[in-house]
Each structure stands twice: as C-alpha cells, then as structure tokens.
Amino acid sequence: MSSRQPGPGNSPTEPGAVVEHFGWKIQHGRHLAPALALLEQRAERTGQRPDLLSQQELQPGQGEAVSERLGMTSVAAPPNLRQGSENALFSARPP
C-alpha cells in the first residue's frame, strides 16, 4: 500500500507515479455495501482513497450513488452483457 496522497503533486503522468486501482465484481448489486464500507474505513484510517475504482454488475442507479457517497467522478465504462446490470469506472481526480 502506497503512502502517497491523491491530488496535485502526484500526477499519474509524473515519472515514478503510482496510480492505485481497486475493483470489485458487485454480484448484481448485492455486494455494494461491504465494498463501499471497506473503502470508507480505509479512507478514515489512512486518509487515502484509490485513484481509480471499477465496479462490475451494479444495478441501475447504483453508479450514481457510489459517485455521490465516495465523492468520485464517474466515467463511461463498457456495457455489461447481462441485461439489468451495469459496469462503472470512478476517478478520484476531477474531470
């Protein structure tokens, strides 16, 4: 686990920069709450959050809820082939 803080001065384009990515398969929305709780606990404990977050198999509307709850920007993700669930990518950096 890196001790760096996200934000200015740690641009992913700087030589040697680390981009931290967390990803979960949410199982059609069922495992969203534990995944978010883990990220929030980590942020409280360390002051860090991932630069990128990817989640698979969210239910419609859950992506927007994740964005709001974690304060991350949502970006387009390839569609999920299974109808009724979505994939989403989130960034800690402003657009």
PDB file of N, CA and C in Angstrom:
ATOM      1  N   MET A   1       0.841  -1.157   0.000  1.00  0.00           N
ATOM      2  CA  MET A   1       0.000   0.000   0.000  1.00  0.00           C
ATOM      3  C   MET A   1       0.896   1.232   0.000  1.00  0.00           C
ATOM      4  N   SER A   2       0.603   2.164  -0.878  1.00  0.00           N
ATOM      5  CA  SER A   2       1.392   3.377  -1.002  1.00  0.00           C
ATOM      6  C   SER A   2       1.037   4.374   0.091  1.00  0.00           C
ATOM      7  N   SER A   3       2.007   5.187   0.488  1.00  0.00           N
ATOM      8  CA  SER A   3       1.732   6.216   1.486  1.00  0.00           C
ATOM      9  C   SER A   3       1.448   7.558   0.837  1.00  0.00           C
ATOM     10  N   ARG A   4       1.412   7.623  -0.466  1.00  0.00           N
ATOM     11  CA  ARG A   4       1.169   8.886  -1.148  1.00  0.00           C
ATOM     12  C   ARG A   4      -0.292   9.293  -1.041  1.00  0.00           C
ATOM     13  N   GLN A   5      -0.525  10.594  -1.149  1.00  0.00           N
ATOM     14  CA  GLN A   5      -1.876  11.133  -1.097  1.00  0.00           C
ATOM     15  C   GLN A   5      -2.309  11.486  -2.518  1.00  0.00           C
ATOM     16  N   PRO A   6      -3.565  11.202  -2.902  1.00  0.00           N
ATOM     17  CA  PRO A   6      -4.008  11.607  -4.219  1.00  0.00           C
ATOM     18  C   PRO A   6      -4.104  13.120  -4.302  1.00  0.00           C
ATOM     19  N   GLY A   7      -3.965  13.647  -5.489  1.00  0.00           N
ATOM     20  CA  GLY A   7      -4.143  15.073  -5.695  1.00  0.00           C
ATOM     21  C   GLY A   7      -2.943  15.698  -6.376  1.00  0.00           C
ATOM     22  N   PRO A   8      -2.928  17.044  -6.449  1.00  0.00           N
ATOM     23  CA  PRO A   8      -1.836  17.749  -7.127  1.00  0.00           C
ATOM     24  C   PRO A   8      -0.485  17.359  -6.542  1.00  0.00           C
ATOM     25  N   GLY A   9       0.507  17.274  -7.392  1.00  0.00           N
ATOM     26  CA  GLY A   9       1.836  16.886  -6.942  1.00  0.00           C
ATOM     27  C   GLY A   9       2.065  15.391  -7.031  1.00  0.00           C
ATOM     28  N   ASN A  10       1.032  14.627  -7.306  1.00  0.00           N
ATOM     29  CA  ASN A  10       1.174  13.195  -7.521  1.00  0.00           C
ATOM     30  C   ASN A  10       0.407  12.829  -8.779  1.00  0.00           C
ATOM     31  N   SER A  11       0.722  13.517  -9.840  1.00  0.00           N
ATOM     32  CA  SER A  11       0.060  13.278 -11.113  1.00  0.00           C
ATOM     33  C   SER A  11       0.485  11.926 -11.668  1.00  0.00           C
ATOM     34  N   PRO A  12      -0.465  11.149 -12.206  1.00  0.00           N
ATOM     35  CA  PRO A  12      -0.087   9.858 -12.778  1.00  0.00           C
ATOM     36  C   PRO A  12       0.849  10.003 -13.973  1.00  0.00           C
ATOM     37  N   THR A  13       1.025  11.220 -14.481  1.00  0.00           N
ATOM     38  CA  THR A  13       1.928  11.415 -15.606  1.00  0.00           C
ATOM     39  C   THR A  13       3.350  11.726 -15.153  1.00  0.00           C
ATOM     40  N   GLU A  14       3.577  11.921 -13.857  1.00  0.00           N
ATOM     41  CA  GLU A  14       4.919  12.178 -13.348  1.00  0.00           C
ATOM     42  C   GLU A  14       5.721  10.877 -13.351  1.00  0.00           C
ATOM     43  N   PRO A  15       7.014  10.951 -13.673  1.00  0.00           N
ATOM     44  CA  PRO A  15       7.835   9.735 -13.636  1.00  0.00           C
ATOM     45  C   PRO A  15       7.779   9.080 -12.254  1.00  0.00           C
ATOM     46  N   GLY A  16       7.569   7.798 -12.220  1.00  0.00           N
ATOM     47  CA  GLY A  16       7.537   7.046 -10.977  1.00  0.00           C
ATOM     48  C   GLY A  16       6.238   7.146 -10.204  1.00  0.00           C
ATOM     49  N   ALA A  17       5.252   7.843 -10.740  1.00  0.00           N
ATOM     50  CA  ALA A  17       3.969   7.993 -10.040  1.00  0.00           C
ATOM     51  C   ALA A  17       3.250   6.653  -9.961  1.00  0.00           C
ATOM     52  N   VAL A  18       2.469   6.488  -8.901  1.00  0.00           N
ATOM     53  CA  VAL A  18       1.686   5.274  -8.695  1.00  0.00           C
ATOM     54  C   VAL A  18       0.220   5.629  -8.843  1.00  0.00           C
ATOM     55  N   VAL A  19      -0.490   4.851  -9.629  1.00  0.00           N
ATOM     56  CA  VAL A  19      -1.937   5.012  -9.740  1.00  0.00           C
ATOM     57  C   VAL A  19      -2.545   3.788  -9.065  1.00  0.00           C
ATOM     58  N   GLU A  20      -3.326   4.036  -8.036  1.00  0.00           N
ATOM     59  CA  GLU A  20      -3.926   2.944  -7.268  1.00  0.00           C
ATOM     60  C   GLU A  20      -5.328   2.649  -7.801  1.00  0.00           C
ATOM     61  N   HIS A  21      -5.595   1.373  -8.054  1.00  0.00           N
ATOM     62  CA  HIS A  21      -6.881   0.945  -8.609  1.00  0.00           C
ATOM     63  C   HIS A  21      -7.471  -0.151  -7.733  1.00  0.00           C
ATOM     64  N   PHE A  22      -8.725   0.015  -7.370  1.00  0.00           N
ATOM     65  CA  PHE A  22      -9.477  -1.027  -6.672  1.00  0.00           C
ATOM     66  C   PHE A  22     -10.596  -1.455  -7.598  1.00  0.00           C
ATOM     67  N   GLY A  23     -10.925  -2.736  -7.607  1.00  0.00           N
ATOM     68  CA  GLY A  23     -12.017  -3.230  -8.434  1.00  0.00           C
ATOM     69  C   GLY A  23     -12.795  -4.324  -7.732  1.00  0.00           C
ATOM     70  N   TRP A  24     -14.086  -4.350  -7.966  1.00  0.00           N
ATOM     71  CA  TRP A  24     -14.960  -5.367  -7.389  1.00  0.00           C
ATOM     72  C   TRP A  24     -15.995  -5.818  -8.397  1.00  0.00           C
ATOM     73  N   LYS A  25     -16.315  -7.090  -8.360  1.00  0.00           N
ATOM     74  CA  LYS A  25     -17.499  -7.605  -9.031  1.00  0.00           C
ATOM     75  C   LYS A  25     -18.587  -7.602  -7.955  1.00  0.00           C
ATOM     76  N   ILE A  26     -19.574  -6.766  -8.140  1.00  0.00           N
ATOM     77  CA  ILE A  26     -20.561  -6.481  -7.101  1.00  0.00           C
ATOM     78  C   ILE A  26     -21.680  -7.525  -7.042  1.00  0.00           C
ATOM     79  N   GLN A  27     -21.681  -8.492  -7.945  1.00  0.00           N
ATOM     80  CA  GLN A  27     -22.694  -9.568  -7.949  1.00  0.00           C
ATOM     81  C   GLN A  27     -24.113  -9.016  -8.025  1.00  0.00           C
ATOM     82  N   HIS A  28     -24.357  -8.262  -9.097  1.00  0.00           N
ATOM     83  CA  HIS A  28     -25.694  -7.728  -9.378  1.00  0.00           C
ATOM     84  C   HIS A  28     -26.206  -6.852  -8.244  1.00  0.00           C
ATOM     85  N   GLY A  29     -25.300  -6.074  -7.671  1.00  0.00           N
ATOM     86  CA  GLY A  29     -25.658  -5.108  -6.646  1.00  0.00           C
ATOM     87  C   GLY A  29     -25.622  -5.626  -5.225  1.00  0.00           C
ATOM     88  N   ARG A  30     -25.503  -6.922  -5.037  1.00  0.00           N
ATOM     89  CA  ARG A  30     -25.614  -7.487  -3.689  1.00  0.00           C
ATOM     90  C   ARG A  30     -24.437  -7.146  -2.779  1.00  0.00           C
ATOM     91  N   HIS A  31     -23.233  -6.973  -3.342  1.00  0.00           N
ATOM     92  CA  HIS A  31     -22.041  -6.761  -2.513  1.00  0.00           C
ATOM     93  C   HIS A  31     -21.554  -5.314  -2.524  1.00  0.00           C
ATOM     94  N   LEU A  32     -22.424  -4.390  -2.905  1.00  0.00           N
ATOM     95  CA  LEU A  32     -22.017  -2.990  -2.972  1.00  0.00           C
ATOM     96  C   LEU A  32     -21.752  -2.402  -1.583  1.00  0.00           C
ATOM     97  N   ALA A  33     -22.632  -2.604  -0.640  1.00  0.00           N
ATOM     98  CA  ALA A  33     -22.480  -2.002   0.701  1.00  0.00           C
ATOM     99  C   ALA A  33     -21.162  -2.407   1.369  1.00  0.00           C
ATOM    100  N   PRO A  34     -20.781  -3.694   1.385  1.00  0.00           N
ATOM    101  CA  PRO A  34     -19.495  -4.049   2.013  1.00  0.00           C
ATOM    102  C   PRO A  34     -18.290  -3.446   1.285  1.00  0.00           C
ATOM    103  N   ALA A  35     -18.353  -3.348  -0.037  1.00  0.00           N
ATOM    104  CA  ALA A  35     -17.246  -2.758  -0.798  1.00  0.00           C
ATOM    105  C   ALA A  35     -17.084  -1.284  -0.441  1.00  0.00           C
ATOM    106  N   LEU A  36     -18.183  -0.544  -0.384  1.00  0.00           N
ATOM    107  CA  LEU A  36     -18.111   0.874  -0.041  1.00  0.00           C
ATOM    108  C   LEU A  36     -17.668   1.079   1.403  1.00  0.00           C
ATOM    109  N   ALA A  37     -18.155   0.237   2.293  1.00  0.00           N
ATOM    110  CA  ALA A  37     -17.756   0.339   3.702  1.00  0.00           C
ATOM    111  C   ALA A  37     -16.243   0.141   3.858  1.00  0.00           C
ATOM    112  N   LEU A  38     -15.675  -0.813   3.137  1.00  0.00           N
ATOM    113  CA  LEU A  38     -14.234  -1.052   3.199  1.00  0.00           C
ATOM    114  C   LEU A  38     -13.455   0.170   2.725  1.00  0.00           C
ATOM    115  N   LEU A  39     -13.886   0.769   1.612  1.00  0.00           N
ATOM    116  CA  LEU A  39     -13.210   1.961   1.100  1.00  0.00           C
ATOM    117  C   LEU A  39     -13.314   3.130   2.082  1.00  0.00           C
ATOM    118  N   GLU A  40     -14.477   3.301   2.698  1.00  0.00           N
ATOM    119  CA  GLU A  40     -14.663   4.384   3.664  1.00  0.00           C
ATOM    120  C   GLU A  40     -13.833   4.153   4.922  1.00  0.00           C
ATOM    121  N   GLN A  41     -13.773   2.925   5.405  1.00  0.00           N
ATOM    122  CA  GLN A  41     -12.953   2.616   6.583  1.00  0.00           C
ATOM    123  C   GLN A  41     -11.483   2.882   6.296  1.00  0.00           C
ATOM    124  N   ARG A  42     -11.035   2.488   5.134  1.00  0.00           N
ATOM    125  CA  ARG A  42      -9.641   2.715   4.745  1.00  0.00           C
ATOM    126  C   ARG A  42      -9.346   4.211   4.676  1.00  0.00           C
ATOM    127  N   ALA A  43     -10.253   4.982   4.091  1.00  0.00           N
ATOM    128  CA  ALA A  43     -10.061   6.434   3.987  1.00  0.00           C
ATOM    129  C   ALA A  43     -10.005   7.079   5.373  1.00  0.00           C
ATOM    130  N   GLU A  44     -10.845   6.630   6.272  1.00  0.00           N
ATOM    131  CA  GLU A  44     -10.827   7.159   7.647  1.00  0.00           C
ATOM    132  C   GLU A  44      -9.517   6.828   8.357  1.00  0.00           C
ATOM    133  N   ARG A  45      -9.057   5.601   8.163  1.00  0.00           N
ATOM    134  CA  ARG A  45      -7.862   5.118   8.849  1.00  0.00           C
ATOM    135  C   ARG A  45      -6.578   5.724   8.271  1.00  0.00           C
ATOM    136  N   THR A  46      -6.502   5.844   6.942  1.00  0.00           N
ATOM    137  CA  THR A  46      -5.248   6.246   6.300  1.00  0.00           C
ATOM    138  C   THR A  46      -5.306   7.609   5.621  1.00  0.00           C
ATOM    139  N   GLY A  47      -6.508   8.128   5.417  1.00  0.00           N
ATOM    140  CA  GLY A  47      -6.651   9.382   4.675  1.00  0.00           C
ATOM    141  C   GLY A  47      -6.502   9.195   3.181  1.00  0.00           C
ATOM    142  N   GLN A  48      -6.519   7.958   2.719  1.00  0.00           N
ATOM    143  CA  GLN A  48      -6.318   7.666   1.303  1.00  0.00           C
ATOM    144  C   GLN A  48      -7.559   7.049   0.679  1.00  0.00           C
ATOM    145  N   ARG A  49      -7.703   7.298  -0.591  1.00  0.00           N
ATOM    146  CA  ARG A  49      -8.702   6.607  -1.397  1.00  0.00           C
ATOM    147  C   ARG A  49      -8.050   6.277  -2.728  1.00  0.00           C
ATOM    148  N   PRO A  50      -8.566   5.287  -3.438  1.00  0.00           N
ATOM    149  CA  PRO A  50      -7.931   4.913  -4.704  1.00  0.00           C
ATOM    150  C   PRO A  50      -8.087   6.016  -5.746  1.00  0.00           C
ATOM    151  N   ASP A  51      -7.142   6.043  -6.689  1.00  0.00           N
ATOM    152  CA  ASP A  51      -7.251   6.969  -7.820  1.00  0.00           C
ATOM    153  C   ASP A  51      -8.363   6.515  -8.757  1.00  0.00           C
ATOM    154  N   LEU A  52      -8.465   5.207  -8.931  1.00  0.00           N
ATOM    155  CA  LEU A  52      -9.474   4.614  -9.813  1.00  0.00           C
ATOM    156  C   LEU A  52     -10.224   3.514  -9.077  1.00  0.00           C
ATOM    157  N   LEU A  53     -11.497   3.409  -9.372  1.00  0.00           N
ATOM    158  CA  LEU A  53     -12.345   2.356  -8.809  1.00  0.00           C
ATOM    159  C   LEU A  53     -13.178   1.803  -9.949  1.00  0.00           C
ATOM    160  N   SER A  54     -13.195   0.487 -10.101  1.00  0.00           N
ATOM    161  CA  SER A  54     -14.079  -0.125 -11.095  1.00  0.00           C
ATOM    162  C   SER A  54     -14.996  -1.110 -10.383  1.00  0.00           C
ATOM    163  N   GLN A  55     -16.245  -1.080 -10.822  1.00  0.00           N
ATOM    164  CA  GLN A  55     -17.223  -1.986 -10.232  1.00  0.00           C
ATOM    165  C   GLN A  55     -18.037  -2.616 -11.356  1.00  0.00           C
ATOM    166  N   GLN A  56     -18.202  -3.911 -11.268  1.00  0.00           N
ATOM    167  CA  GLN A  56     -18.962  -4.662 -12.259  1.00  0.00           C
ATOM    168  C   GLN A  56     -20.273  -5.130 -11.650  1.00  0.00           C
ATOM    169  N   GLU A  57     -21.278  -5.196 -12.512  1.00  0.00           N
ATOM    170  CA  GLU A  57     -22.594  -5.743 -12.166  1.00  0.00           C
ATOM    171  C   GLU A  57     -23.352  -4.909 -11.140  1.00  0.00           C
ATOM    172  N   LEU A  58     -23.261  -3.600 -11.263  1.00  0.00           N
ATOM    173  CA  LEU A  58     -24.093  -2.716 -10.448  1.00  0.00           C
ATOM    174  C   LEU A  58     -25.521  -2.741 -10.988  1.00  0.00           C
ATOM    175  N   GLN A  59     -26.462  -2.489 -10.124  1.00  0.00           N
ATOM    176  CA  GLN A  59     -27.844  -2.335 -10.547  1.00  0.00           C
ATOM    177  C   GLN A  59     -28.039  -0.895 -11.034  1.00  0.00           C
ATOM    178  N   PRO A  60     -29.019  -0.650 -11.905  1.00  0.00           N
ATOM    179  CA  PRO A  60     -29.253   0.703 -12.390  1.00  0.00           C
ATOM    180  C   PRO A  60     -29.393   1.691 -11.223  1.00  0.00           C
ATOM    181  N   GLY A  61     -28.698   2.816 -11.331  1.00  0.00           N
ATOM    182  CA  GLY A  61     -28.735   3.850 -10.303  1.00  0.00           C
ATOM    183  C   GLY A  61     -27.657   3.724  -9.239  1.00  0.00           C
ATOM    184  N   GLN A  62     -27.064   2.549  -9.077  1.00  0.00           N
ATOM    185  CA  GLN A  62     -26.045   2.377  -8.041  1.00  0.00           C
ATOM    186  C   GLN A  62     -24.765   3.143  -8.368  1.00  0.00           C
ATOM    187  N   GLY A  63     -24.453   3.298  -9.647  1.00  0.00           N
ATOM    188  CA  GLY A  63     -23.247   4.046 -10.025  1.00  0.00           C
ATOM    189  C   GLY A  63     -23.305   5.482  -9.550  1.00  0.00           C
ATOM    190  N   GLU A  64     -24.457   6.116  -9.713  1.00  0.00           N
ATOM    191  CA  GLU A  64     -24.619   7.494  -9.256  1.00  0.00           C
ATOM    192  C   GLU A  64     -24.501   7.573  -7.735  1.00  0.00           C
ATOM    193  N   ALA A  65     -25.039   6.589  -7.041  1.00  0.00           N
ATOM    194  CA  ALA A  65     -24.961   6.560  -5.583  1.00  0.00           C
ATOM    195  C   ALA A  65     -23.506   6.419  -5.120  1.00  0.00           C
ATOM    196  N   VAL A  66     -22.723   5.592  -5.811  1.00  0.00           N
ATOM    197  CA  VAL A  66     -21.310   5.415  -5.472  1.00  0.00           C
ATOM    198  C   VAL A  66     -20.573   6.737  -5.660  1.00  0.00           C
ATOM    199  N   SER A  67     -20.813   7.393  -6.783  1.00  0.00           N
ATOM    200  CA  SER A  67     -20.177   8.676  -7.079  1.00  0.00           C
ATOM    201  C   SER A  67     -20.432   9.689  -5.969  1.00  0.00           C
ATOM    202  N   GLU A  68     -21.667   9.804  -5.563  1.00  0.00           N
ATOM    203  CA  GLU A  68     -22.036  10.759  -4.516  1.00  0.00           C
ATOM    204  C   GLU A  68     -21.445  10.374  -3.162  1.00  0.00           C
ATOM    205  N   ARG A  69     -21.561   9.122  -2.810  1.00  0.00           N
ATOM    206  CA  ARG A  69     -21.115   8.670  -1.482  1.00  0.00           C
ATOM    207  C   ARG A  69     -19.607   8.797  -1.315  1.00  0.00           C
ATOM    208  N   LEU A  70     -18.832   8.472  -2.359  1.00  0.00           N
ATOM    209  CA  LEU A  70     -17.374   8.498  -2.254  1.00  0.00           C
ATOM    210  C   LEU A  70     -16.756   9.791  -2.765  1.00  0.00           C
ATOM    211  N   GLY A  71     -17.566  10.650  -3.366  1.00  0.00           N
ATOM    212  CA  GLY A  71     -17.032  11.896  -3.902  1.00  0.00           C
ATOM    213  C   GLY A  71     -16.106  11.675  -5.081  1.00  0.00           C
ATOM    214  N   MET A  72     -16.411  10.675  -5.898  1.00  0.00           N
ATOM    215  CA  MET A  72     -15.592  10.360  -7.062  1.00  0.00           C
ATOM    216  C   MET A  72     -16.367  10.698  -8.331  1.00  0.00           C
ATOM    217  N   THR A  73     -15.627  10.997  -9.390  1.00  0.00           N
ATOM    218  CA  THR A  73     -16.215  11.296 -10.684  1.00  0.00           C
ATOM    219  C   THR A  73     -16.462   9.995 -11.428  1.00  0.00           C
ATOM    220  N   SER A  74     -17.640   9.847 -11.977  1.00  0.00           N
ATOM    221  CA  SER A  74     -17.983   8.664 -12.754  1.00  0.00           C
ATOM    222  C   SER A  74     -17.561   8.883 -14.203  1.00  0.00           C
ATOM    223  N   VAL A  75     -16.988   7.861 -14.809  1.00  0.00           N
ATOM    224  CA  VAL A  75     -16.617   7.925 -16.224  1.00  0.00           C
ATOM    225  C   VAL A  75     -17.228   6.731 -16.945  1.00  0.00           C
ATOM    226  N   ALA A  76     -17.387   6.867 -18.235  1.00  0.00           N
ATOM    227  CA  ALA A  76     -18.033   5.825 -19.030  1.00  0.00           C
ATOM    228  C   ALA A  76     -17.277   4.502 -18.936  1.00  0.00           C
ATOM    229  N   ALA A  77     -18.020   3.423 -18.896  1.00  0.00           N
ATOM    230  CA  ALA A  77     -17.446   2.076 -18.855  1.00  0.00           C
ATOM    231  C   ALA A  77     -18.114   1.237 -19.931  1.00  0.00           C
ATOM    232  N   PRO A  78     -17.417   0.227 -20.420  1.00  0.00           N
ATOM    233  CA  PRO A  78     -18.056  -0.666 -21.389  1.00  0.00           C
ATOM    234  C   PRO A  78     -19.303  -1.300 -20.788  1.00  0.00           C
ATOM    235  N   PRO A  79     -20.333  -1.503 -21.599  1.00  0.00           N
ATOM    236  CA  PRO A  79     -21.577  -2.070 -21.057  1.00  0.00           C
ATOM    237  C   PRO A  79     -21.399  -3.518 -20.623  1.00  0.00           C
ATOM    238  N   ASN A  80     -22.222  -3.913 -19.685  1.00  0.00           N
ATOM    239  CA  ASN A  80     -22.268  -5.291 -19.231  1.00  0.00           C
ATOM    240  C   ASN A  80     -23.164  -6.066 -20.189  1.00  0.00           C
ATOM    241  N   LEU A  81     -22.775  -7.254 -20.562  1.00  0.00           N
ATOM    242  CA  LEU A  81     -23.576  -8.051 -21.486  1.00  0.00           C
ATOM    243  C   LEU A  81     -24.851  -8.575 -20.842  1.00  0.00           C
ATOM    244  N   ARG A  82     -24.856  -8.714 -19.530  1.00  0.00           N
ATOM    245  CA  ARG A  82     -26.053  -9.189 -18.836  1.00  0.00           C
ATOM    246  C   ARG A  82     -27.022  -8.021 -18.664  1.00  0.00           C
ATOM    247  N   GLN A  83     -28.217  -8.175 -19.131  1.00  0.00           N
ATOM    248  CA  GLN A  83     -29.204  -7.118 -19.011  1.00  0.00           C
ATOM    249  C   GLN A  83     -29.560  -6.888 -17.550  1.00  0.00           C
ATOM    250  N   GLY A  84     -29.761  -5.610 -17.194  1.00  0.00           N
ATOM    251  CA  GLY A  84     -30.164  -5.275 -15.838  1.00  0.00           C
ATOM    252  C   GLY A  84     -29.020  -4.983 -14.901  1.00  0.00           C
ATOM    253  N   SER A  85     -27.782  -5.038 -15.377  1.00  0.00           N
ATOM    254  CA  SER A  85     -26.650  -4.650 -14.537  1.00  0.00           C
ATOM    255  C   SER A  85     -25.681  -3.815 -15.371  1.00  0.00           C
ATOM    256  N   GLU A  86     -24.889  -3.004 -14.676  1.00  0.00           N
ATOM    257  CA  GLU A  86     -24.007  -2.050 -15.321  1.00  0.00           C
ATOM    258  C   GLU A  86     -22.582  -2.181 -14.786  1.00  0.00           C
ATOM    259  N   ASN A  87     -21.633  -1.721 -15.572  1.00  0.00           N
ATOM    260  CA  ASN A  87     -20.249  -1.595 -15.138  1.00  0.00           C
ATOM    261  C   ASN A  87     -19.975  -0.107 -14.987  1.00  0.00           C
ATOM    262  N   ALA A  88     -19.099   0.262 -14.056  1.00  0.00           N
ATOM    263  CA  ALA A  88     -18.804   1.674 -13.861  1.00  0.00           C
ATOM    264  C   ALA A  88     -17.351   1.865 -13.457  1.00  0.00           C
ATOM    265  N   LEU A  89     -16.783   2.975 -13.898  1.00  0.00           N
ATOM    266  CA  LEU A  89     -15.439   3.397 -13.515  1.00  0.00           C
ATOM    267  C   LEU A  89     -15.559   4.736 -12.795  1.00  0.00           C
ATOM    268  N   PHE A  90     -14.755   4.906 -11.754  1.00  0.00           N
ATOM    269  CA  PHE A  90     -14.789   6.135 -10.961  1.00  0.00           C
ATOM    270  C   PHE A  90     -13.367   6.646 -10.796  1.00  0.00           C
ATOM    271  N   SER A  91     -13.231   7.963 -10.785  1.00  0.00           N
ATOM    272  CA  SER A  91     -11.927   8.593 -10.639  1.00  0.00           C
ATOM    273  C   SER A  91     -11.951   9.560  -9.461  1.00  0.00           C
ATOM    274  N   ALA A  92     -10.872   9.557  -8.684  1.00  0.00           N
ATOM    275  CA  ALA A  92     -10.752  10.492  -7.567  1.00  0.00           C
ATOM    276  C   ALA A  92     -10.345  11.870  -8.054  1.00  0.00           C
ATOM    277  N   ARG A  93      -9.875  11.964  -9.274  1.00  0.00           N
ATOM    278  CA  ARG A  93      -9.427  13.229  -9.824  1.00  0.00           C
ATOM    279  C   ARG A  93     -10.568  13.919 -10.552  1.00  0.00           C
ATOM    280  N   PRO A  94     -10.606  15.255 -10.492  1.00  0.00           N
ATOM    281  CA  PRO A  94     -11.665  15.965 -11.202  1.00  0.00           C
ATOM    282  C   PRO A  94     -11.543  15.755 -12.712  1.00  0.00           C
ATOM    283  N   PRO A  95     -12.672  15.869 -13.418  1.00  0.00           N
ATOM    284  CA  PRO A  95     -12.618  15.672 -14.887  1.00  0.00           C
ATOM    285  C   PRO A  95     -11.781  16.723 -15.573  1.00  0.00           C
TER     286      PRO A  95
END
